[in-house]
Amino acid sequence: MTRWLGASLLLPLVAACGGGGPAASGSLPSPSALPSTAATPSPPATLAVAESRYGKIIVDVAGRALYLFDADRGAASSCYDACASAWPPLLAVQAPGAGPNLDQALVSTIARKDGSKQVAYNGHPLYYYLGDRSPGEIKCQAAVEYGGAWFVVSQRGEKITTP
């Protein structure tokens, strides 16, 4: 099952951390267009910052937490198949953008094996956790699965290791 978040993100929804569960249903809100005063428009915001019990973290424009996988090395994802079902990558269908309090220079994409583009911040490919169904939910911080650990990401693009 595939759900679209506005025109900027593709979010596959499938399995959950430590066990399968039904995929979420319903639709996510569309991101708001930000006015631009620059001669060259900035890409629409893909990433934002939100307060959480772990401090300020990177979220998508709908407020869903994003994670990094410490088994990823360099600008490549090592999360495919069952891993990507439980931890869906944040995919971009156009150039990703940084919202307020994030550095656009740290936003990039990496190529996945299927040719899709995964959003990365500070060199870390970003993922959702399927069990986080609502903005603000963080259910698998510091979880160890699929050969590595999963962490929410600080606004500087670093893993937050607090369990």
Foldseek 3Di string as FASTA:
>chain_A
DWADAAQWWIWDAFAAPPGGDDFDDDHAHHADADDDPDPDDFPGAQWEWDQAPLGIFIDGRSQAFKKFWVVDDFLADPQDDPRCNQWPFTFTPDQHAHDPLADRVQWDWGQYPVRTTGIAGNRTGITGGRVRDHRRDDDQAQHDDDHTGMATAHSNGHGRNDD
